[in-house]
Amino acid sequence: MLTALPKQEMRRIGYRYLIGDLNTQSIVEVWHSDRVKTLLNLKQKDIKSSSPCSTCEIFDSCFSHLNRCWAEILKAYGDENWDYPDPRCIRAPKMKNNLKFV
């Protein structure tokens, strides 16, 4: 999900990083930008060592299929742990903020 901020800046949900500026770019340019490509194609080396994902043997499979919900990760672990696994993953640590899944 993309969020347009009041000053026409674009960010990926929950990320502290801006990924574009609609004052100077079209939404298509933002979506196809290097910044978005980097966020959508994270490598295991880009994940901080405190995240279980940094050493997970199924990292490539999980990340390549976008098999995670960024919003749930941020709600469960906070912005600073954006690179943690989806809270429904069997390798996920205890949530900082408990979420209930049905």
PDB file of N, CA and C in Angstrom:
ATOM      1  N   MET A   1       0.844  -1.176   0.000  1.00  0.00           N
ATOM      2  CA  MET A   1       0.000   0.000   0.000  1.00  0.00           C
ATOM      3  C   MET A   1       0.887   1.236   0.000  1.00  0.00           C
ATOM      4  N   LEU A   2       0.511   2.201  -0.779  1.00  0.00           N
ATOM      5  CA  LEU A   2       1.206   3.475  -0.808  1.00  0.00           C
ATOM      6  C   LEU A   2       0.362   4.508  -0.091  1.00  0.00           C
ATOM      7  N   THR A   3       1.031   5.443   0.558  1.00  0.00           N
ATOM      8  CA  THR A   3       0.343   6.514   1.249  1.00  0.00           C
ATOM      9  C   THR A   3       0.822   7.839   0.680  1.00  0.00           C
ATOM     10  N   ALA A   4      -0.112   8.706   0.312  1.00  0.00           N
ATOM     11  CA  ALA A   4       0.237  10.053  -0.127  1.00  0.00           C
ATOM     12  C   ALA A   4       0.096  10.969   1.083  1.00  0.00           C
ATOM     13  N   LEU A   5       1.166  11.633   1.426  1.00  0.00           N
ATOM     14  CA  LEU A   5       1.174  12.546   2.566  1.00  0.00           C
ATOM     15  C   LEU A   5       0.659  13.919   2.131  1.00  0.00           C
ATOM     16  N   PRO A   6       0.311  14.791   3.075  1.00  0.00           N
ATOM     17  CA  PRO A   6      -0.267  16.095   2.730  1.00  0.00           C
ATOM     18  C   PRO A   6       0.569  16.939   1.760  1.00  0.00           C
ATOM     19  N   LYS A   7       1.885  16.807   1.814  1.00  0.00           N
ATOM     20  CA  LYS A   7       2.727  17.605   0.903  1.00  0.00           C
ATOM     21  C   LYS A   7       2.999  16.862  -0.396  1.00  0.00           C
ATOM     22  N   GLN A   8       2.175  15.843  -0.700  1.00  0.00           N
ATOM     23  CA  GLN A   8       2.268  15.058  -1.927  1.00  0.00           C
ATOM     24  C   GLN A   8       3.483  14.126  -1.971  1.00  0.00           C
ATOM     25  N   GLU A   9       4.040  13.829  -0.805  1.00  0.00           N
ATOM     26  CA  GLU A   9       5.127  12.861  -0.743  1.00  0.00           C
ATOM     27  C   GLU A   9       4.500  11.483  -0.631  1.00  0.00           C
ATOM     28  N   MET A  10       5.198  10.495  -1.152  1.00  0.00           N
ATOM     29  CA  MET A  10       4.685   9.128  -1.118  1.00  0.00           C
ATOM     30  C   MET A  10       5.558   8.289  -0.197  1.00  0.00           C
ATOM     31  N   ARG A  11       4.911   7.402   0.542  1.00  0.00           N
ATOM     32  CA  ARG A  11       5.670   6.454   1.342  1.00  0.00           C
ATOM     33  C   ARG A  11       4.973   5.122   1.310  1.00  0.00           C
ATOM     34  N   ARG A  12       5.739   4.079   1.532  1.00  0.00           N
ATOM     35  CA  ARG A  12       5.216   2.727   1.643  1.00  0.00           C
ATOM     36  C   ARG A  12       4.651   2.625   3.045  1.00  0.00           C
ATOM     37  N   ILE A  13       3.540   1.938   3.222  1.00  0.00           N
ATOM     38  CA  ILE A  13       2.876   1.887   4.518  1.00  0.00           C
ATOM     39  C   ILE A  13       3.851   1.547   5.643  1.00  0.00           C
ATOM     40  N   GLY A  14       3.806   2.361   6.674  1.00  0.00           N
ATOM     41  CA  GLY A  14       4.600   2.105   7.852  1.00  0.00           C
ATOM     42  C   GLY A  14       6.063   2.482   7.764  1.00  0.00           C
ATOM     43  N   TYR A  15       6.597   2.611   6.582  1.00  0.00           N
ATOM     44  CA  TYR A  15       8.012   2.939   6.467  1.00  0.00           C
ATOM     45  C   TYR A  15       8.247   4.386   6.834  1.00  0.00           C
ATOM     46  N   ARG A  16       9.346   4.631   7.461  1.00  0.00           N
ATOM     47  CA  ARG A  16       9.731   5.997   7.767  1.00  0.00           C
ATOM     48  C   ARG A  16      10.329   6.664   6.539  1.00  0.00           C
ATOM     49  N   TYR A  17      10.645   5.885   5.533  1.00  0.00           N
ATOM     50  CA  TYR A  17      11.303   6.400   4.338  1.00  0.00           C
ATOM     51  C   TYR A  17      10.289   6.917   3.325  1.00  0.00           C
ATOM     52  N   LEU A  18      10.597   8.054   2.781  1.00  0.00           N
ATOM     53  CA  LEU A  18       9.796   8.531   1.662  1.00  0.00           C
ATOM     54  C   LEU A  18      10.272   7.814   0.417  1.00  0.00           C
ATOM     55  N   ILE A  19       9.351   7.481  -0.461  1.00  0.00           N
ATOM     56  CA  ILE A  19       9.744   6.789  -1.688  1.00  0.00           C
ATOM     57  C   ILE A  19       9.520   7.649  -2.924  1.00  0.00           C
ATOM     58  N   GLY A  20       8.948   8.818  -2.748  1.00  0.00           N
ATOM     59  CA  GLY A  20       8.737   9.680  -3.898  1.00  0.00           C
ATOM     60  C   GLY A  20       8.049  10.970  -3.520  1.00  0.00           C
ATOM     61  N   ASP A  21       7.926  11.843  -4.492  1.00  0.00           N
ATOM     62  CA  ASP A  21       7.312  13.151  -4.284  1.00  0.00           C
ATOM     63  C   ASP A  21       6.413  13.450  -5.488  1.00  0.00           C
ATOM     64  N   LEU A  22       5.113  13.486  -5.252  1.00  0.00           N
ATOM     65  CA  LEU A  22       4.155  13.699  -6.339  1.00  0.00           C
ATOM     66  C   LEU A  22       4.160  15.126  -6.881  1.00  0.00           C
ATOM     67  N   ASN A  23       4.915  16.005  -6.219  1.00  0.00           N
ATOM     68  CA  ASN A  23       5.090  17.353  -6.771  1.00  0.00           C
ATOM     69  C   ASN A  23       6.046  17.329  -7.956  1.00  0.00           C
ATOM     70  N   THR A  24       6.931  16.347  -7.985  1.00  0.00           N
ATOM     71  CA  THR A  24       7.943  16.290  -9.037  1.00  0.00           C
ATOM     72  C   THR A  24       7.905  14.996  -9.841  1.00  0.00           C
ATOM     73  N   GLN A  25       7.112  14.012  -9.393  1.00  0.00           N
ATOM     74  CA  GLN A  25       7.050  12.722 -10.067  1.00  0.00           C
ATOM     75  C   GLN A  25       5.600  12.277 -10.213  1.00  0.00           C
ATOM     76  N   SER A  26       5.347  11.473 -11.232  1.00  0.00           N
ATOM     77  CA  SER A  26       4.018  10.862 -11.343  1.00  0.00           C
ATOM     78  C   SER A  26       3.986   9.644 -10.429  1.00  0.00           C
ATOM     79  N   ILE A  27       2.794   9.150 -10.135  1.00  0.00           N
ATOM     80  CA  ILE A  27       2.682   7.960  -9.287  1.00  0.00           C
ATOM     81  C   ILE A  27       3.345   6.757  -9.964  1.00  0.00           C
ATOM     82  N   VAL A  28       3.299   6.713 -11.282  1.00  0.00           N
ATOM     83  CA  VAL A  28       3.959   5.626 -12.025  1.00  0.00           C
ATOM     84  C   VAL A  28       5.471   5.716 -11.839  1.00  0.00           C
ATOM     85  N   GLU A  29       6.020   6.932 -11.908  1.00  0.00           N
ATOM     86  CA  GLU A  29       7.462   7.107 -11.688  1.00  0.00           C
ATOM     87  C   GLU A  29       7.857   6.702 -10.278  1.00  0.00           C
ATOM     88  N   VAL A  30       7.036   7.058  -9.297  1.00  0.00           N
ATOM     89  CA  VAL A  30       7.314   6.671  -7.911  1.00  0.00           C
ATOM     90  C   VAL A  30       7.301   5.155  -7.800  1.00  0.00           C
ATOM     91  N   TRP A  31       6.252   4.526  -8.312  1.00  0.00           N
ATOM     92  CA  TRP A  31       6.102   3.072  -8.186  1.00  0.00           C
ATOM     93  C   TRP A  31       7.240   2.315  -8.860  1.00  0.00           C
ATOM     94  N   HIS A  32       7.771   2.849  -9.943  1.00  0.00           N
ATOM     95  CA  HIS A  32       8.856   2.182 -10.670  1.00  0.00           C
ATOM     96  C   HIS A  32      10.237   2.708 -10.285  1.00  0.00           C
ATOM     97  N   SER A  33      10.316   3.460  -9.204  1.00  0.00           N
ATOM     98  CA  SER A  33      11.590   4.050  -8.790  1.00  0.00           C
ATOM     99  C   SER A  33      12.537   3.002  -8.198  1.00  0.00           C
ATOM    100  N   ASP A  34      13.813   3.355  -8.169  1.00  0.00           N
ATOM    101  CA  ASP A  34      14.818   2.474  -7.575  1.00  0.00           C
ATOM    102  C   ASP A  34      14.519   2.218  -6.101  1.00  0.00           C
ATOM    103  N   ARG A  35      14.006   3.234  -5.408  1.00  0.00           N
ATOM    104  CA  ARG A  35      13.699   3.085  -3.977  1.00  0.00           C
ATOM    105  C   ARG A  35      12.646   1.996  -3.765  1.00  0.00           C
ATOM    106  N   VAL A  36      11.589   2.003  -4.542  1.00  0.00           N
ATOM    107  CA  VAL A  36      10.538   0.995  -4.411  1.00  0.00           C
ATOM    108  C   VAL A  36      11.077  -0.381  -4.791  1.00  0.00           C
ATOM    109  N   LYS A  37      11.852  -0.436  -5.866  1.00  0.00           N
ATOM    110  CA  LYS A  37      12.433  -1.715  -6.282  1.00  0.00           C
ATOM    111  C   LYS A  37      13.301  -2.305  -5.172  1.00  0.00           C
ATOM    112  N   THR A  38      14.056  -1.453  -4.486  1.00  0.00           N
ATOM    113  CA  THR A  38      14.894  -1.921  -3.377  1.00  0.00           C
ATOM    114  C   THR A  38      14.028  -2.479  -2.248  1.00  0.00           C
ATOM    115  N   LEU A  39      12.982  -1.757  -1.887  1.00  0.00           N
ATOM    116  CA  LEU A  39      12.112  -2.214  -0.793  1.00  0.00           C
ATOM    117  C   LEU A  39      11.366  -3.499  -1.141  1.00  0.00           C
ATOM    118  N   LEU A  40      11.018  -3.658  -2.407  1.00  0.00           N
ATOM    119  CA  LEU A  40      10.289  -4.855  -2.812  1.00  0.00           C
ATOM    120  C   LEU A  40      11.202  -6.040  -3.097  1.00  0.00           C
ATOM    121  N   ASN A  41      12.500  -5.785  -3.175  1.00  0.00           N
ATOM    122  CA  ASN A  41      13.461  -6.852  -3.473  1.00  0.00           C
ATOM    123  C   ASN A  41      14.565  -6.898  -2.429  1.00  0.00           C
ATOM    124  N   LEU A  42      14.177  -6.844  -1.171  1.00  0.00           N
ATOM    125  CA  LEU A  42      15.168  -6.861  -0.097  1.00  0.00           C
ATOM    126  C   LEU A  42      15.979  -8.144  -0.137  1.00  0.00           C
ATOM    127  N   LYS A  43      17.236  -8.013   0.209  1.00  0.00           N
ATOM    128  CA  LYS A  43      18.142  -9.146   0.310  1.00  0.00           C
ATOM    129  C   LYS A  43      18.378  -9.437   1.793  1.00  0.00           C
ATOM    130  N   GLN A  44      18.742 -10.662   2.085  1.00  0.00           N
ATOM    131  CA  GLN A  44      18.935 -11.045   3.476  1.00  0.00           C
ATOM    132  C   GLN A  44      20.018 -10.198   4.143  1.00  0.00           C
ATOM    133  N   LYS A  45      21.020  -9.795   3.392  1.00  0.00           N
ATOM    134  CA  LYS A  45      22.088  -8.957   3.948  1.00  0.00           C
ATOM    135  C   LYS A  45      21.581  -7.566   4.354  1.00  0.00           C
ATOM    136  N   ASP A  46      20.413  -7.161   3.837  1.00  0.00           N
ATOM    137  CA  ASP A  46      19.832  -5.857   4.172  1.00  0.00           C
ATOM    138  C   ASP A  46      19.057  -5.880   5.493  1.00  0.00           C
ATOM    139  N   ILE A  47      18.852  -7.062   6.038  1.00  0.00           N
ATOM    140  CA  ILE A  47      18.057  -7.239   7.263  1.00  0.00           C
ATOM    141  C   ILE A  47      18.982  -7.180   8.470  1.00  0.00           C
ATOM    142  N   LYS A  48      18.585  -6.425   9.486  1.00  0.00           N
ATOM    143  CA  LYS A  48      19.464  -6.312  10.662  1.00  0.00           C
ATOM    144  C   LYS A  48      19.544  -7.648  11.404  1.00  0.00           C
ATOM    145  N   SER A  49      20.649  -7.876  12.076  1.00  0.00           N
ATOM    146  CA  SER A  49      20.918  -9.171  12.706  1.00  0.00           C
ATOM    147  C   SER A  49      19.941  -9.512  13.829  1.00  0.00           C
ATOM    148  N   SER A  50      19.267  -8.527  14.400  1.00  0.00           N
ATOM    149  CA  SER A  50      18.305  -8.807  15.477  1.00  0.00           C
ATOM    150  C   SER A  50      17.004  -9.417  14.955  1.00  0.00           C
ATOM    151  N   SER A  51      16.795  -9.361  13.645  1.00  0.00           N
ATOM    152  CA  SER A  51      15.593  -9.944  13.056  1.00  0.00           C
ATOM    153  C   SER A  51      15.810 -11.424  12.787  1.00  0.00           C
ATOM    154  N   PRO A  52      14.832 -12.269  13.143  1.00  0.00           N
ATOM    155  CA  PRO A  52      14.938 -13.690  12.813  1.00  0.00           C
ATOM    156  C   PRO A  52      15.103 -13.932  11.320  1.00  0.00           C
ATOM    157  N   CYS A  53      14.658 -13.009  10.499  1.00  0.00           N
ATOM    158  CA  CYS A  53      14.772 -13.149   9.045  1.00  0.00           C
ATOM    159  C   CYS A  53      16.231 -13.106   8.581  1.00  0.00           C
ATOM    160  N   SER A  54      17.112 -12.516   9.383  1.00  0.00           N
ATOM    161  CA  SER A  54      18.506 -12.364   8.957  1.00  0.00           C
ATOM    162  C   SER A  54      19.223 -13.699   8.801  1.00  0.00           C
ATOM    163  N   THR A  55      18.732 -14.725   9.465  1.00  0.00           N
ATOM    164  CA  THR A  55      19.370 -16.048   9.371  1.00  0.00           C
ATOM    165  C   THR A  55      18.392 -17.141   8.937  1.00  0.00           C
ATOM    166  N   CYS A  56      17.229 -16.762   8.512  1.00  0.00           N
ATOM    167  CA  CYS A  56      16.207 -17.756   8.161  1.00  0.00           C
ATOM    168  C   CYS A  56      16.534 -18.437   6.830  1.00  0.00           C
ATOM    169  N   GLU A  57      16.414 -19.750   6.815  1.00  0.00           N
ATOM    170  CA  GLU A  57      16.741 -20.516   5.607  1.00  0.00           C
ATOM    171  C   GLU A  57      15.672 -20.411   4.520  1.00  0.00           C
ATOM    172  N   ILE A  58      14.496 -19.914   4.836  1.00  0.00           N
ATOM    173  CA  ILE A  58      13.461 -19.753   3.803  1.00  0.00           C
ATOM    174  C   ILE A  58      13.267 -18.279   3.411  1.00  0.00           C
ATOM    175  N   PHE A  59      14.241 -17.452   3.756  1.00  0.00           N
ATOM    176  CA  PHE A  59      14.160 -16.015   3.476  1.00  0.00           C
ATOM    177  C   PHE A  59      13.824 -15.729   2.009  1.00  0.00           C
ATOM    178  N   ASP A  60      14.583 -16.312   1.099  1.00  0.00           N
ATOM    179  CA  ASP A  60      14.387 -16.015  -0.326  1.00  0.00           C
ATOM    180  C   ASP A  60      12.982 -16.371  -0.790  1.00  0.00           C
ATOM    181  N   SER A  61      12.481 -17.496  -0.350  1.00  0.00           N
ATOM    182  CA  SER A  61      11.136 -17.917  -0.722  1.00  0.00           C
ATOM    183  C   SER A  61      10.087 -16.968  -0.138  1.00  0.00           C
ATOM    184  N   CYS A  62      10.231 -16.646   1.105  1.00  0.00           N
ATOM    185  CA  CYS A  62       9.274 -15.775   1.797  1.00  0.00           C
ATOM    186  C   CYS A  62       9.252 -14.374   1.177  1.00  0.00           C
ATOM    187  N   PHE A  63      10.421 -13.786   1.013  1.00  0.00           N
ATOM    188  CA  PHE A  63      10.493 -12.417   0.508  1.00  0.00           C
ATOM    189  C   PHE A  63      10.200 -12.334  -0.984  1.00  0.00           C
ATOM    190  N   SER A  64      10.564 -13.356  -1.750  1.00  0.00           N
ATOM    191  CA  SER A  64      10.332 -13.282  -3.193  1.00  0.00           C
ATOM    192  C   SER A  64       8.853 -13.403  -3.540  1.00  0.00           C
ATOM    193  N   HIS A  65       8.081 -14.017  -2.684  1.00  0.00           N
ATOM    194  CA  HIS A  65       6.645 -14.143  -2.933  1.00  0.00           C
ATOM    195  C   HIS A  65       5.840 -13.091  -2.168  1.00  0.00           C
ATOM    196  N   LEU A  66       6.546 -12.147  -1.591  1.00  0.00           N
ATOM    197  CA  LEU A  66       5.900 -11.090  -0.799  1.00  0.00           C
ATOM    198  C   LEU A  66       4.921 -11.713   0.198  1.00  0.00           C
ATOM    199  N   ASN A  67       5.393 -12.757   0.827  1.00  0.00           N
ATOM    200  CA  ASN A  67       4.577 -13.559   1.734  1.00  0.00           C
ATOM    201  C   ASN A  67       4.586 -12.972   3.141  1.00  0.00           C
ATOM    202  N   ARG A  68       4.256 -11.709   3.220  1.00  0.00           N
ATOM    203  CA  ARG A  68       4.285 -11.020   4.505  1.00  0.00           C
ATOM    204  C   ARG A  68       3.407  -9.784   4.437  1.00  0.00           C
ATOM    205  N   CYS A  69       2.894  -9.395   5.563  1.00  0.00           N
ATOM    206  CA  CYS A  69       2.060  -8.194   5.620  1.00  0.00           C
ATOM    207  C   CYS A  69       2.815  -7.129   6.408  1.00  0.00           C
ATOM    208  N   TRP A  70       3.288  -6.111   5.694  1.00  0.00           N
ATOM    209  CA  TRP A  70       4.064  -5.050   6.338  1.00  0.00           C
ATOM    210  C   TRP A  70       3.257  -4.371   7.440  1.00  0.00           C
ATOM    211  N   ALA A  71       1.989  -4.146   7.224  1.00  0.00           N
ATOM    212  CA  ALA A  71       1.164  -3.471   8.229  1.00  0.00           C
ATOM    213  C   ALA A  71       1.099  -4.290   9.515  1.00  0.00           C
ATOM    214  N   GLU A  72       0.930  -5.601   9.398  1.00  0.00           N
ATOM    215  CA  GLU A  72       0.867  -6.466  10.588  1.00  0.00           C
ATOM    216  C   GLU A  72       2.207  -6.498  11.304  1.00  0.00           C
ATOM    217  N   ILE A  73       3.294  -6.514  10.555  1.00  0.00           N
ATOM    218  CA  ILE A  73       4.634  -6.518  11.152  1.00  0.00           C
ATOM    219  C   ILE A  73       4.829  -5.254  11.977  1.00  0.00           C
ATOM    220  N   LEU A  74       4.466  -4.119  11.397  1.00  0.00           N
ATOM    221  CA  LEU A  74       4.648  -2.846  12.098  1.00  0.00           C
ATOM    222  C   LEU A  74       3.746  -2.733  13.315  1.00  0.00           C
ATOM    223  N   LYS A  75       2.515  -3.236  13.208  1.00  0.00           N
ATOM    224  CA  LYS A  75       1.616  -3.211  14.361  1.00  0.00           C
ATOM    225  C   LYS A  75       2.136  -4.127  15.469  1.00  0.00           C
ATOM    226  N   ALA A  76       2.677  -5.278  15.107  1.00  0.00           N
ATOM    227  CA  ALA A  76       3.127  -6.267  16.088  1.00  0.00           C
ATOM    228  C   ALA A  76       4.450  -5.897  16.741  1.00  0.00           C
ATOM    229  N   TYR A  77       5.385  -5.332  15.961  1.00  0.00           N
ATOM    230  CA  TYR A  77       6.748  -5.124  16.466  1.00  0.00           C
ATOM    231  C   TYR A  77       7.206  -3.674  16.503  1.00  0.00           C
ATOM    232  N   GLY A  78       6.470  -2.761  15.871  1.00  0.00           N
ATOM    233  CA  GLY A  78       6.858  -1.356  15.846  1.00  0.00           C
ATOM    234  C   GLY A  78       7.704  -1.011  14.629  1.00  0.00           C
ATOM    235  N   ASP A  79       7.742   0.274  14.288  1.00  0.00           N
ATOM    236  CA  ASP A  79       8.476   0.779  13.120  1.00  0.00           C
ATOM    237  C   ASP A  79       9.942   0.366  13.103  1.00  0.00           C
ATOM    238  N   GLU A  80      10.561   0.353  14.280  1.00  0.00           N
ATOM    239  CA  GLU A  80      11.992   0.047  14.329  1.00  0.00           C
ATOM    240  C   GLU A  80      12.294  -1.401  13.943  1.00  0.00           C
ATOM    241  N   ASN A  81      11.276  -2.262  13.957  1.00  0.00           N
ATOM    242  CA  ASN A  81      11.449  -3.669  13.601  1.00  0.00           C
ATOM    243  C   ASN A  81      10.715  -4.015  12.309  1.00  0.00           C
ATOM    244  N   TRP A  82      10.779  -3.120  11.356  1.00  0.00           N
ATOM    245  CA  TRP A  82      10.101  -3.295  10.067  1.00  0.00           C
ATOM    246  C   TRP A  82      10.583  -4.538   9.325  1.00  0.00           C
ATOM    247  N   ASP A  83      11.768  -5.017   9.658  1.00  0.00           N
ATOM    248  CA  ASP A  83      12.328  -6.165   8.940  1.00  0.00           C
ATOM    249  C   ASP A  83      12.130  -7.493   9.675  1.00  0.00           C
ATOM    250  N   TYR A  84      11.239  -7.503  10.662  1.00  0.00           N
ATOM    251  CA  TYR A  84      10.906  -8.740  11.373  1.00  0.00           C
ATOM    252  C   TYR A  84       9.973  -9.590  10.502  1.00  0.00           C
ATOM    253  N   PRO A  85       9.815 -10.856  10.857  1.00  0.00           N
ATOM    254  CA  PRO A  85       8.898 -11.690  10.078  1.00  0.00           C
ATOM    255  C   PRO A  85       7.441 -11.326  10.338  1.00  0.00           C
ATOM    256  N   ASP A  86       6.604 -11.714   9.426  1.00  0.00           N
ATOM    257  CA  ASP A  86       5.169 -11.577   9.635  1.00  0.00           C
ATOM    258  C   ASP A  86       4.845 -12.276  10.954  1.00  0.00           C
ATOM    259  N   PRO A  87       4.019 -11.689  11.813  1.00  0.00           N
ATOM    260  CA  PRO A  87       3.735 -12.291  13.120  1.00  0.00           C
ATOM    261  C   PRO A  87       3.116 -13.688  13.037  1.00  0.00           C
ATOM    262  N   ARG A  88       2.589 -14.064  11.879  1.00  0.00           N
ATOM    263  CA  ARG A  88       2.010 -15.401  11.729  1.00  0.00           C
ATOM    264  C   ARG A  88       3.049 -16.449  11.339  1.00  0.00           C
ATOM    265  N   CYS A  89       4.264 -16.027  11.092  1.00  0.00           N
ATOM    266  CA  CYS A  89       5.348 -16.943  10.729  1.00  0.00           C
ATOM    267  C   CYS A  89       5.716 -17.794  11.946  1.00  0.00           C
ATOM    268  N   ILE A  90       6.025 -19.058  11.708  1.00  0.00           N
ATOM    269  CA  ILE A  90       6.395 -19.943  12.835  1.00  0.00           C
ATOM    270  C   ILE A  90       7.721 -19.540  13.462  1.00  0.00           C
ATOM    271  N   ARG A  91       8.506 -18.739  12.781  1.00  0.00           N
ATOM    272  CA  ARG A  91       9.786 -18.269  13.308  1.00  0.00           C
ATOM    273  C   ARG A  91       9.686 -16.885  13.955  1.00  0.00           C
ATOM    274  N   ALA A  92       8.499 -16.333  13.983  1.00  0.00           N
ATOM    275  CA  ALA A  92       8.304 -14.984  14.524  1.00  0.00           C
ATOM    276  C   ALA A  92       8.490 -14.969  16.043  1.00  0.00           C
ATOM    277  N   PRO A  93       9.188 -13.951  16.538  1.00  0.00           N
ATOM    278  CA  PRO A  93       9.324 -13.820  17.998  1.00  0.00           C
ATOM    279  C   PRO A  93       8.012 -13.325  18.617  1.00  0.00           C
ATOM    280  N   LYS A  94       7.987 -13.310  19.932  1.00  0.00           N
ATOM    281  CA  LYS A  94       6.816 -12.803  20.655  1.00  0.00           C
ATOM    282  C   LYS A  94       6.562 -11.358  20.219  1.00  0.00           C
ATOM    283  N   MET A  95       5.308 -11.061  19.983  1.00  0.00           N
ATOM    284  CA  MET A  95       4.936  -9.717  19.526  1.00  0.00           C
ATOM    285  C   MET A  95       5.072  -8.706  20.654  1.00  0.00           C
ATOM    286  N   LYS A  96       5.529  -7.519  20.304  1.00  0.00           N
ATOM    287  CA  LYS A  96       5.607  -6.404  21.240  1.00  0.00           C
ATOM    288  C   LYS A  96       4.177  -5.946  21.577  1.00  0.00           C
ATOM    289  N   ASN A  97       3.351  -5.879  20.558  1.00  0.00           N
ATOM    290  CA  ASN A  97       1.948  -5.496  20.679  1.00  0.00           C
ATOM    291  C   ASN A  97       1.116  -6.694  20.200  1.00  0.00           C
ATOM    292  N   ASN A  98       0.420  -7.327  21.101  1.00  0.00           N
ATOM    293  CA  ASN A  98      -0.282  -8.546  20.761  1.00  0.00           C
ATOM    294  C   ASN A  98      -1.437  -8.296  19.781  1.00  0.00           C
ATOM    295  N   LEU A  99      -1.415  -9.023  18.685  1.00  0.00           N
ATOM    296  CA  LEU A  99      -2.486  -8.954  17.690  1.00  0.00           C
ATOM    297  C   LEU A  99      -3.251 -10.267  17.735  1.00  0.00           C
ATOM    298  N   LYS A 100      -4.513 -10.208  17.479  1.00  0.00           N
ATOM    299  CA  LYS A 100      -5.319 -11.441  17.439  1.00  0.00           C
ATOM    300  C   LYS A 100      -5.684 -11.742  16.007  1.00  0.00           C
ATOM    301  N   PHE A 101      -5.339 -12.939  15.580  1.00  0.00           N
ATOM    302  CA  PHE A 101      -5.679 -13.389  14.231  1.00  0.00           C
ATOM    303  C   PHE A 101      -6.762 -14.443  14.332  1.00  0.00           C
ATOM    304  N   VAL A 102      -7.707 -14.399  13.411  1.00  0.00           N
ATOM    305  CA  VAL A 102      -8.781 -15.382  13.410  1.00  0.00           C
ATOM    306  C   VAL A 102      -8.478 -16.477  12.413  1.00  0.00           C
TER     307      VAL A 102
END
